[in-house]
């Protein structure tokens, strides 16, 4: 069987998983009995194509043929289930592995820790890591955690906001003689940046360089992302030059972050220049690149440039997604191009891009702002019939449209039906209704709605008070204005 073993192993290493499965079936038909190594290769291939459940049949056959599954057997199955999100089955396999007298390896623990962290079971992953450390201390080096185990755990803790615990583990791994690599540093730096600990992140970058750990493109992308969020990317070319000097080639993500940062700073011309230079530097535009630029021009209300970018991305074979279409629809409605917006929405559905809640909110709001209230109501009813889960934002758009076009009674009825739809009015909902009531000379009813709002546990904001104050002033009820201002001052 050695020649088959060599063949199967070589094919699996080159990711020809389906070929291995097909050859295994032919091997069966010849009457030859596979050995445990071939079964393990087969298991690995089955799990790699997302069919971990089929692995149980292979495991059953291994046992029927009298083989004892080894760590490789169990590790393949555990990894397969972790990849598919079947963490409960993966954990049960780990328990079965121990029950069979098979000792878990560092790969077993590393796979489980990563799987648990990816599915939000960070505390269970931490217990597993602690178990490894404890066993190493009590019984000699039974299964010492490696850098993969620590990196997965640190990433999971950072994503859960447990930065201090992540830093503690980062120090622990160093005390155990495990030198952090670029991945370790990237996880902690990213975590610190995400949770606003920029000074700590900067110190870690300095430490990283001092330890002669070469920053990767991911490291720079994390730094760029943080700088962009704080509006500190004035000269993106300097950052690109620094990366190249360090021997790190900027990728599409790097350019996208820089372009987004420039758009956030309202430097659309600089963003466009960088967008164009991407391809000259060997980075292809993707859907995110176009979405950023389209949104940048939408904010500048340059609908012609928005549509030009859309046509360009389609011509280059970049497939628009739901964010692309939602941004385009927002721009078209804002420009009053309702006909074009309707055509685009039809095109979106023809291309099987499913609208989401944000898309429908944009459509309902756009129709209302352009005076097409009846059409907006029709869409709302169609969505309700289709059991689409509408949000309070969808209703807020419609309520605002109804109030602004003098359909106060209709707005009132819709407002009172919100609870039947399983929705709770928020501060925006109440403020819209208060504004509508004040506009049509009903400040007393608006004041009653403010009281009702507070009783329901929804705190008014500055816009709510300003709206009601304006309503009382319009009706020359100065006493009420004074009372309202005093109430507002007490709450501040």
Protein backbone atom coordinates (compact mmCIF):
# COMPACT_ATOMS: atom_id res chain seq x y z
CA UNK A 1 0.00 0.00 0.00
CA UNK A 2 3.03 2.31 0.28
CA UNK A 3 2.74 3.57 -3.33
CA UNK A 4 -0.95 4.44 -2.78
CA UNK A 5 -0.05 6.17 0.47
CA UNK A 6 2.58 8.31 -1.28
CA UNK A 7 0.14 9.14 -4.11
CA UNK A 8 -2.76 10.04 -1.79
CA UNK A 9 -0.52 12.14 0.48
CA UNK A 10 0.96 14.06 -2.48
CA UNK A 11 -2.49 14.77 -3.96
CA UNK A 12 -3.84 15.94 -0.60
CA UNK A 13 -0.87 18.28 -0.06
CA UNK A 14 -1.62 19.87 -3.45
CA UNK A 15 -5.28 20.33 -2.48
CA UNK A 16 -6.66 17.76 -4.94
CA UNK A 17 -9.16 16.65 -2.31
CA UNK A 18 -11.91 15.45 -4.64
CA UNK A 19 -9.38 13.44 -6.68
CA UNK A 20 -8.34 11.62 -3.49
CA UNK A 21 -11.97 10.79 -2.66
CA UNK A 22 -12.57 9.52 -6.21
CA UNK A 23 -9.39 7.38 -6.17
CA UNK A 24 -10.32 5.96 -2.77
CA UNK A 25 -13.61 4.67 -4.24
CA UNK A 26 -11.67 3.01 -7.07
CA UNK A 27 -9.23 1.54 -4.55
CA UNK A 28 -12.17 -0.03 -2.71
CA UNK A 29 -13.45 -1.65 -5.90
CA UNK A 30 -10.09 -3.43 -6.39
CA UNK A 31 -10.52 -5.30 -3.11
CA UNK A 32 -7.39 -3.81 -1.57
CA UNK A 33 -7.64 -2.80 2.10
CA UNK A 34 -6.54 0.75 2.88
CA UNK A 35 -4.30 1.31 5.90
CA UNK A 36 -4.82 3.91 8.66
CA UNK A 37 -2.62 6.48 6.91
CA UNK A 38 -4.81 6.39 3.78
CA UNK A 39 -7.95 6.65 5.92
CA UNK A 40 -6.47 9.69 7.67
CA UNK A 41 -5.66 11.32 4.32
CA UNK A 42 -9.22 10.59 3.16
CA UNK A 43 -10.67 12.10 6.35
CA UNK A 44 -8.59 15.23 5.88
CA UNK A 45 -9.81 15.60 2.27
CA UNK A 46 -13.47 15.06 3.20
CA UNK A 47 -13.24 17.68 5.94
CA UNK A 48 -11.43 20.13 3.64
CA UNK A 49 -14.38 20.18 1.20
CA UNK A 50 -16.89 20.93 3.98
CA UNK A 51 -18.25 17.42 4.52
CA UNK A 52 -17.13 16.79 8.10
CA UNK A 53 -20.32 14.83 8.89
CA UNK A 54 -19.33 12.24 6.26
CA UNK A 55 -16.15 11.77 8.26
CA UNK A 56 -18.10 9.80 10.87
CA UNK A 57 -18.74 7.07 8.28
CA UNK A 58 -14.99 6.87 7.63
CA UNK A 59 -14.32 6.77 11.39
CA UNK A 60 -16.83 3.93 11.73
CA UNK A 61 -15.09 1.97 9.00
CA UNK A 62 -11.69 2.51 10.65
CA UNK A 63 -13.05 0.99 13.86
CA UNK A 64 -14.77 -1.93 12.05
CA UNK A 65 -11.49 -2.84 10.33
CA UNK A 66 -9.83 -3.06 13.75
CA UNK A 67 -7.66 0.06 13.46
CA UNK A 68 -7.16 2.31 16.48
CA UNK A 69 -7.81 5.95 15.50
CA UNK A 70 -4.80 8.11 16.32
CA UNK A 71 -4.37 11.83 17.00
CA UNK A 72 -4.21 12.57 13.25
CA UNK A 73 -7.62 10.88 12.77
CA UNK A 74 -9.32 12.89 15.51
CA UNK A 75 -7.52 16.13 14.62
CA UNK A 76 -8.81 15.98 11.02
CA UNK A 77 -12.40 15.56 12.21
CA UNK A 78 -12.11 18.21 14.94
CA UNK A 79 -10.64 20.68 12.44
CA UNK A 80 -13.39 19.89 9.94
CA UNK A 81 -16.19 20.58 12.43
CA UNK A 82 -14.49 23.73 13.72
CA UNK A 83 -14.27 25.06 10.15
CA UNK A 84 -17.98 24.42 9.64
CA UNK A 85 -18.96 26.02 12.96
CA UNK A 86 -19.84 22.66 14.56
CA UNK A 87 -18.00 23.42 17.78
CA UNK A 88 -20.26 21.18 19.92
CA UNK A 89 -19.41 18.14 17.78
CA UNK A 90 -15.73 19.13 17.78
CA UNK A 91 -15.72 19.33 21.59
CA UNK A 92 -17.47 15.95 21.87
CA UNK A 93 -14.85 14.41 19.56
CA UNK A 94 -12.15 15.77 21.86
CA UNK A 95 -13.82 14.01 24.80
CA UNK A 96 -14.18 10.79 22.78
CA UNK A 97 -10.52 11.03 21.84
CA UNK A 98 -9.48 11.02 25.52
CA UNK A 99 -11.97 8.22 26.30
CA UNK A 100 -10.35 6.09 23.54
CA UNK A 101 -6.98 6.51 25.23
CA UNK A 102 -5.68 8.76 22.47
CA UNK A 103 -3.57 11.65 23.79
CA UNK A 104 -4.51 15.07 22.41
CA UNK A 105 -1.65 16.90 20.73
CA UNK A 106 -0.84 20.60 20.54
CA UNK A 107 -2.64 20.58 17.15
CA UNK A 108 -5.80 19.26 18.87
CA UNK A 109 -5.73 22.00 21.48
CA UNK A 110 -4.79 24.71 18.99
CA UNK A 111 -7.64 23.73 16.66
CA UNK A 112 -10.19 23.65 19.47
CA UNK A 113 -9.03 26.95 20.99
CA UNK A 114 -9.31 28.62 17.57
CA UNK A 115 -12.73 27.04 16.94
CA UNK A 116 -14.08 28.07 20.35
CA UNK A 117 -12.83 31.65 19.94
CA UNK A 118 -14.32 31.95 16.45
CA UNK A 119 -17.75 30.88 17.75
CA UNK A 120 -17.70 33.27 20.71
CA UNK A 121 -16.82 30.65 23.34
CA UNK A 122 -13.79 32.57 24.56
CA UNK A 123 -14.12 31.53 28.22
CA UNK A 124 -14.18 27.81 27.26
CA UNK A 125 -11.10 28.35 25.05
CA UNK A 126 -9.31 30.07 27.94
CA UNK A 127 -10.04 27.12 30.24
CA UNK A 128 -8.58 24.78 27.63
CA UNK A 129 -5.40 26.86 27.36
CA UNK A 130 -5.09 27.00 31.16
CA UNK A 131 -5.52 23.21 31.24
CA UNK A 132 -2.59 22.86 28.81
CA UNK A 133 -0.37 25.12 30.94
CA UNK A 134 -1.37 23.30 34.13
CA UNK A 135 -0.73 19.85 32.68
CA UNK A 136 2.68 20.99 31.45
CA UNK A 137 3.55 22.12 34.97
CA UNK A 138 2.25 19.08 36.83
CA UNK A 139 3.34 16.16 34.67
CA UNK A 140 6.28 17.46 32.72
CA UNK A 141 5.81 18.62 29.15
CA UNK A 142 2.61 16.71 28.33
CA UNK A 143 1.27 19.22 25.81
CA UNK A 144 2.88 22.61 26.01
CA UNK A 145 0.96 25.46 24.36
CA UNK A 146 2.64 26.82 21.25
CA UNK A 147 2.47 30.19 19.53
CA UNK A 148 -0.59 29.13 17.49
CA UNK A 149 -2.57 28.40 20.69
CA UNK A 150 -1.60 31.75 22.20
CA UNK A 151 -2.26 33.72 19.01
CA UNK A 152 -5.77 32.25 18.64
CA UNK A 153 -6.53 32.96 22.28
CA UNK A 154 -5.18 36.52 22.17
CA UNK A 155 -7.23 37.24 19.03
CA UNK A 156 -10.39 35.90 20.67
CA UNK A 157 -9.87 37.96 23.83
CA UNK A 158 -9.17 41.14 21.84
CA UNK A 159 -12.34 40.68 19.79
CA UNK A 160 -14.32 40.31 23.03
CA UNK A 161 -12.80 43.50 24.40
CA UNK A 162 -10.82 41.65 27.09
CA UNK A 163 -7.64 43.57 26.26
CA UNK A 164 -6.06 43.34 29.71
CA UNK A 165 -6.38 39.55 29.70
CA UNK A 166 -4.95 39.45 26.16
CA UNK A 167 -1.95 41.53 27.30
CA UNK A 168 -1.54 39.20 30.27
CA UNK A 169 -1.38 36.17 27.95
CA UNK A 170 1.00 38.04 25.66
CA UNK A 171 3.37 38.47 28.64
CA UNK A 172 2.78 34.87 29.76
CA UNK A 173 3.86 33.45 26.40
CA UNK A 174 7.08 35.47 26.57
CA UNK A 175 7.77 34.21 30.11
CA UNK A 176 7.37 30.65 28.78
CA UNK A 177 10.10 31.29 26.24
CA UNK A 178 7.72 31.64 23.28
CA UNK A 179 8.75 34.68 21.24
CA UNK A 180 5.75 36.58 19.82
CA UNK A 181 5.70 36.71 16.03
CA UNK A 182 4.24 39.33 13.72
CA UNK A 183 0.78 37.70 14.03
CA UNK A 184 0.89 37.97 17.85
CA UNK A 185 1.83 41.66 17.68
CA UNK A 186 -0.80 42.37 15.01
CA UNK A 187 -3.61 40.87 17.12
CA UNK A 188 -2.70 42.87 20.23
CA UNK A 189 -2.04 46.12 18.31
CA UNK A 190 -5.38 45.75 16.50
CA UNK A 191 -7.19 45.01 19.77
CA UNK A 192 -5.65 48.02 21.50
CA UNK A 193 -6.55 50.31 18.59
CA UNK A 194 -10.14 49.00 18.42
CA UNK A 195 -10.69 49.71 22.09
CA UNK A 196 -9.13 53.17 22.10
CA UNK A 197 -5.78 52.34 23.70
CA UNK A 198 -3.67 54.01 21.02
CA UNK A 199 -0.77 54.92 23.30
CA UNK A 200 -0.36 51.27 24.34
CA UNK A 201 -0.54 50.26 20.67
CA UNK A 202 2.24 52.73 19.78
CA UNK A 203 4.43 51.36 22.59
CA UNK A 204 3.89 47.83 21.30
CA UNK A 205 4.89 48.87 17.77
CA UNK A 206 8.14 50.28 19.18
CA UNK A 207 8.71 47.02 21.11
CA UNK A 208 8.00 45.03 17.94
CA UNK A 209 10.68 46.90 15.99
CA UNK A 210 13.13 46.64 18.93
CA UNK A 211 12.61 42.87 18.98
CA UNK A 212 13.43 42.78 15.25
CA UNK A 213 9.99 41.50 14.34
CA UNK A 214 9.37 42.75 10.80
CA UNK A 215 5.98 44.54 10.51
CA UNK A 216 3.72 43.00 7.85
CA UNK A 217 1.19 44.62 5.55
CA UNK A 218 -1.45 43.73 8.20
CA UNK A 219 0.51 45.72 10.83
CA UNK A 220 0.60 48.78 8.60
CA UNK A 221 -3.09 48.36 7.69
CA UNK A 222 -4.02 48.37 11.39
CA UNK A 223 -1.94 51.52 11.99
CA UNK A 224 -3.38 53.23 8.89
CA UNK A 225 -6.93 52.34 9.95
CA UNK A 226 -6.39 53.96 13.35
CA UNK A 227 -4.79 57.08 11.85
CA UNK A 228 -7.66 57.44 9.37
CA UNK A 229 -10.28 57.15 12.12
CA UNK A 230 -8.57 60.02 13.92
CA UNK A 231 -8.21 62.12 10.76
CA UNK A 232 -4.41 61.94 10.78
CA UNK A 233 -3.75 60.78 7.21
CA UNK A 234 -2.87 64.08 5.56
CA UNK A 235 -0.11 62.69 3.38
CA UNK A 236 -0.89 59.08 2.43
CA UNK A 237 2.07 58.88 0.04
CA UNK A 238 4.43 59.25 3.00
CA UNK A 239 2.88 56.19 4.65
CA UNK A 240 3.17 54.22 1.40
CA UNK A 241 6.81 55.27 1.05
CA UNK A 242 7.51 54.14 4.64
CA UNK A 243 5.98 50.74 3.92
CA UNK A 244 8.08 50.26 0.79
CA UNK A 245 11.20 51.39 2.68
CA UNK A 246 10.46 48.68 5.26
CA UNK A 247 10.16 46.11 2.48
CA UNK A 248 6.38 45.81 2.82
CA UNK A 249 4.28 46.02 -0.36
CA UNK A 250 0.98 47.87 0.11
CA UNK A 251 -2.07 45.78 -0.87
CA UNK A 252 -5.62 46.64 -1.94
CA UNK A 253 -6.71 46.83 1.72
CA UNK A 254 -3.97 49.43 2.39
CA UNK A 255 -5.15 51.63 -0.47
CA UNK A 256 -8.82 51.20 0.46
CA UNK A 257 -8.15 52.33 4.03
CA UNK A 258 -6.16 55.35 2.87
CA UNK A 259 -8.81 56.32 0.30
CA UNK A 260 -11.55 55.94 2.92
CA UNK A 261 -9.54 58.11 5.34
CA UNK A 262 -9.19 60.86 2.72
CA UNK A 263 -12.92 60.69 1.93
CA UNK A 264 -13.72 61.03 5.64
CA UNK A 265 -11.54 64.16 5.70
CA UNK A 266 -13.49 65.51 2.71
CA UNK A 267 -10.42 65.26 0.44
CA UNK A 268 -12.19 63.63 -2.47
CA UNK A 269 -9.70 64.86 -5.11
CA UNK A 270 -6.77 63.35 -3.19
CA UNK A 271 -8.78 60.16 -2.75
CA UNK A 272 -9.44 59.99 -6.49
CA UNK A 273 -5.73 60.49 -7.23
CA UNK A 274 -4.81 57.61 -4.90
CA UNK A 275 -7.60 55.48 -6.37
CA UNK A 276 -6.16 55.93 -9.87
CA UNK A 277 -2.58 55.27 -8.69
CA UNK A 278 -3.57 51.89 -7.19
CA UNK A 279 -3.53 50.07 -10.50
CA UNK A 280 -0.22 51.67 -11.50
CA UNK A 281 1.28 50.14 -8.35
CA UNK A 282 -0.04 46.65 -9.05
CA UNK A 283 -3.16 46.70 -6.85
CA UNK A 284 -6.51 45.93 -8.43
CA UNK A 285 -9.68 47.77 -7.45
CA UNK A 286 -12.27 45.61 -5.70
CA UNK A 287 -15.90 46.24 -4.75
CA UNK A 288 -14.79 47.96 -1.51
CA UNK A 289 -12.57 50.38 -3.47
CA UNK A 290 -15.50 51.43 -5.65
CA UNK A 291 -17.95 51.56 -2.73
CA UNK A 292 -15.66 53.97 -0.87
CA UNK A 293 -15.29 56.28 -3.87
CA UNK A 294 -18.98 56.12 -4.79
CA UNK A 295 -19.92 57.04 -1.23
CA UNK A 296 -17.34 59.84 -1.22
CA UNK A 297 -18.85 61.43 -4.33
CA UNK A 298 -22.39 60.81 -3.00
CA UNK A 299 -21.54 62.89 0.07
CA UNK A 300 -20.32 65.64 -2.28
CA UNK A 301 -23.65 65.31 -4.14
CA UNK A 302 -21.81 64.67 -7.39
CA UNK A 303 -24.29 62.18 -8.86
CA UNK A 304 -22.64 62.22 -12.31
CA UNK A 305 -19.32 61.00 -10.89
CA UNK A 306 -21.21 58.45 -8.76
CA UNK A 307 -22.88 56.91 -11.82
CA UNK A 308 -19.67 57.12 -13.84
CA UNK A 309 -17.83 55.05 -11.21
CA UNK A 310 -20.68 52.54 -11.20
CA UNK A 311 -20.47 52.09 -14.98
CA UNK A 312 -16.68 51.80 -14.74
CA UNK A 313 -16.79 49.04 -12.10
CA UNK A 314 -19.32 47.03 -14.11
CA UNK A 315 -17.25 47.39 -17.30
CA UNK A 316 -14.16 46.13 -15.41
CA UNK A 317 -16.00 43.07 -14.14
CA UNK A 318 -16.21 44.20 -10.50
CA UNK A 319 -19.57 42.92 -9.22
CA UNK A 320 -21.63 45.52 -7.29
CA UNK A 321 -22.96 44.38 -3.91
CA UNK A 322 -25.89 45.51 -1.75
CA UNK A 323 -23.78 48.39 -0.33
CA UNK A 324 -23.01 49.65 -3.85
CA UNK A 325 -26.68 49.67 -4.84
CA UNK A 326 -27.84 51.20 -1.54
CA UNK A 327 -25.31 54.04 -1.89
CA UNK A 328 -26.31 54.65 -5.52
CA UNK A 329 -30.00 54.70 -4.61
CA UNK A 330 -29.34 57.19 -1.81
CA UNK A 331 -27.50 59.48 -4.23
CA UNK A 332 -30.18 59.25 -6.93
CA UNK A 333 -33.04 59.97 -4.52
CA UNK A 334 -31.14 62.91 -3.05
CA UNK A 335 -30.67 64.28 -6.58
CA UNK A 336 -34.41 63.85 -7.23
CA UNK A 337 -33.81 61.25 -9.96
CA UNK A 338 -36.67 58.95 -8.91
CA UNK A 339 -37.02 57.32 -12.34
CA UNK A 340 -33.34 56.41 -12.40
CA UNK A 341 -33.59 55.07 -8.82
CA UNK A 342 -36.51 52.80 -9.79
CA UNK A 343 -34.58 51.49 -12.82
CA UNK A 344 -31.54 50.80 -10.66
CA UNK A 345 -33.62 48.95 -8.08
CA UNK A 346 -35.08 46.75 -10.83
CA UNK A 347 -31.56 46.10 -12.14
CA UNK A 348 -30.44 45.19 -8.63
CA UNK A 349 -33.10 42.49 -8.32
CA UNK A 350 -32.44 41.20 -11.86
CA UNK A 351 -28.81 40.66 -10.85
CA UNK A 352 -29.96 38.72 -7.76
CA UNK A 353 -28.54 41.22 -5.28
CA UNK A 354 -30.92 40.99 -2.33
CA UNK A 355 -31.93 44.36 -0.81
CA UNK A 356 -31.41 44.57 2.97
CA UNK A 357 -33.05 46.69 5.67
CA UNK A 358 -30.76 49.61 4.89
CA UNK A 359 -31.74 49.49 1.18
CA UNK A 360 -35.46 49.55 1.95
CA UNK A 361 -35.00 52.38 4.47
CA UNK A 362 -33.22 54.40 1.74
CA UNK A 363 -36.02 53.68 -0.75
CA UNK A 364 -38.84 54.53 1.67
CA UNK A 365 -37.04 57.67 2.86
CA UNK A 366 -36.15 58.68 -0.73
CA UNK A 367 -39.72 58.29 -1.95
CA UNK A 368 -41.08 60.24 1.02
CA UNK A 369 -38.55 63.06 0.61
CA UNK A 370 -39.54 63.31 -3.07
CA UNK A 371 -43.27 63.44 -2.27
CA UNK A 372 -44.06 59.86 -3.39
CA UNK A 373 -45.76 58.91 -0.09
CA UNK A 374 -48.33 56.57 -1.65
CA UNK A 375 -45.59 54.53 -3.34
CA UNK A 376 -43.64 54.37 -0.05
CA UNK A 377 -46.77 53.05 1.75
CA UNK A 378 -47.23 50.43 -1.00
CA UNK A 379 -43.66 49.20 -0.54
CA UNK A 380 -44.13 49.04 3.24
CA UNK A 381 -47.29 46.94 2.85
CA UNK A 382 -45.58 44.65 0.30
CA UNK A 383 -42.69 44.08 2.70
CA UNK A 384 -45.08 43.32 5.56
CA UNK A 385 -46.95 40.77 3.43
CA UNK A 386 -43.64 39.17 2.50
CA UNK A 387 -42.86 38.85 6.25
CA UNK A 388 -39.80 41.07 5.86
CA UNK A 389 -38.53 42.19 9.27
CA UNK A 390 -38.91 45.96 9.07
CA UNK A 391 -37.09 48.18 11.54
CA UNK A 392 -38.32 51.26 13.39
CA UNK A 393 -36.13 53.30 10.99
CA UNK A 394 -38.38 52.26 8.07
CA UNK A 395 -41.44 53.54 9.92
CA UNK A 396 -39.66 56.73 10.99
CA UNK A 397 -39.03 57.60 7.32
CA UNK A 398 -42.68 57.07 6.49
CA UNK A 399 -44.00 58.92 9.56
CA UNK A 400 -41.78 61.89 8.69
CA UNK A 401 -43.07 61.89 5.12
CA UNK A 402 -46.70 61.68 6.21
CA UNK A 403 -46.31 64.53 8.71
CA UNK A 404 -44.51 66.77 6.23
CA UNK A 405 -47.19 66.26 3.56
CA UNK A 406 -50.11 67.06 5.89
CA UNK A 407 -51.29 63.47 6.48
CA UNK A 408 -51.19 63.79 10.26
CA UNK A 409 -54.14 61.48 10.90
CA UNK A 410 -52.57 58.73 8.82
CA UNK A 411 -49.28 59.25 10.70
CA UNK A 412 -51.11 59.08 14.03
CA UNK A 413 -52.75 55.75 13.14
CA UNK A 414 -49.46 54.30 11.93
CA UNK A 415 -47.72 55.45 15.12
CA UNK A 416 -50.30 53.73 17.34
CA UNK A 417 -49.96 50.48 15.34
CA UNK A 418 -46.22 50.21 15.95
CA UNK A 419 -46.66 48.01 19.03
CA UNK A 420 -48.77 45.59 16.94
CA UNK A 421 -45.78 45.28 14.58
CA UNK A 422 -43.57 44.39 17.54
CA UNK A 423 -41.69 47.69 17.31
CA UNK A 424 -40.92 50.26 19.99
CA UNK A 425 -40.81 53.96 19.07
CA UNK A 426 -37.38 55.53 19.64
CA UNK A 427 -36.44 59.15 20.29
CA UNK A 428 -36.52 59.89 16.54
CA UNK A 429 -40.06 58.45 16.22
CA UNK A 430 -41.39 60.57 19.09
CA UNK A 431 -39.62 63.71 17.85
CA UNK A 432 -41.13 63.26 14.35
CA UNK A 433 -44.63 62.91 15.82
CA UNK A 434 -44.14 65.86 18.21
CA UNK A 435 -42.97 67.97 15.28
CA UNK A 436 -46.01 66.94 13.20
CA UNK A 437 -48.45 67.74 16.01
CA UNK A 438 -46.82 71.14 16.66
CA UNK A 439 -46.79 71.99 12.96
CA UNK A 440 -50.55 71.50 12.73
CA UNK A 441 -51.41 73.43 15.90
CA UNK A 442 -51.60 70.62 18.45
CA UNK A 443 -48.88 71.51 21.00
CA UNK A 444 -50.90 70.19 23.97
CA UNK A 445 -51.16 66.76 22.36
CA UNK A 446 -47.44 66.99 21.57
CA UNK A 447 -46.73 67.75 25.24
CA UNK A 448 -48.78 64.69 26.22
CA UNK A 449 -46.67 62.61 23.84
CA UNK A 450 -43.52 63.89 25.57
CA UNK A 451 -44.91 62.66 28.91
CA UNK A 452 -45.85 59.31 27.33
CA UNK A 453 -42.37 59.07 25.85
CA UNK A 454 -40.74 59.48 29.27
CA UNK A 455 -43.12 56.99 30.86
CA UNK A 456 -42.08 54.44 28.24
CA UNK A 457 -38.44 54.90 29.25
CA UNK A 458 -37.42 56.79 26.12
CA UNK A 459 -35.34 59.86 27.03
CA UNK A 460 -35.99 63.04 25.00
CA UNK A 461 -32.99 64.70 23.37
CA UNK A 462 -32.17 68.31 22.46
CA UNK A 463 -34.12 68.02 19.17
CA UNK A 464 -37.24 66.81 21.01
CA UNK A 465 -37.17 69.78 23.40
CA UNK A 466 -36.37 72.27 20.63
CA UNK A 467 -39.26 70.96 18.53
CA UNK A 468 -41.79 71.24 21.37
CA UNK A 469 -40.45 74.65 22.42
CA UNK A 470 -40.92 75.87 18.84
CA UNK A 471 -44.47 74.46 18.88
CA UNK A 472 -45.44 76.36 22.01
CA UNK A 473 -43.84 79.58 20.69
CA UNK A 474 -45.80 79.27 17.44
CA UNK A 475 -48.98 79.11 19.49
CA UNK A 476 -47.79 81.93 21.83
CA UNK A 477 -47.90 79.74 24.93
CA UNK A 478 -44.97 81.42 26.70
CA UNK A 479 -45.82 79.92 30.11
CA UNK A 480 -45.46 76.43 28.64
CA UNK A 481 -42.15 77.43 27.05
CA UNK A 482 -40.79 78.55 30.44
CA UNK A 483 -42.01 75.32 32.12
CA UNK A 484 -40.43 73.22 29.39
CA UNK A 485 -37.09 75.07 29.60
CA UNK A 486 -37.01 74.64 33.39
CA UNK A 487 -37.74 70.91 33.00
CA UNK A 488 -35.02 70.62 30.38
CA UNK A 489 -32.49 72.40 32.66
CA UNK A 490 -33.30 70.01 35.54
CA UNK A 491 -32.71 66.99 33.32
CA UNK A 492 -29.42 68.35 31.99
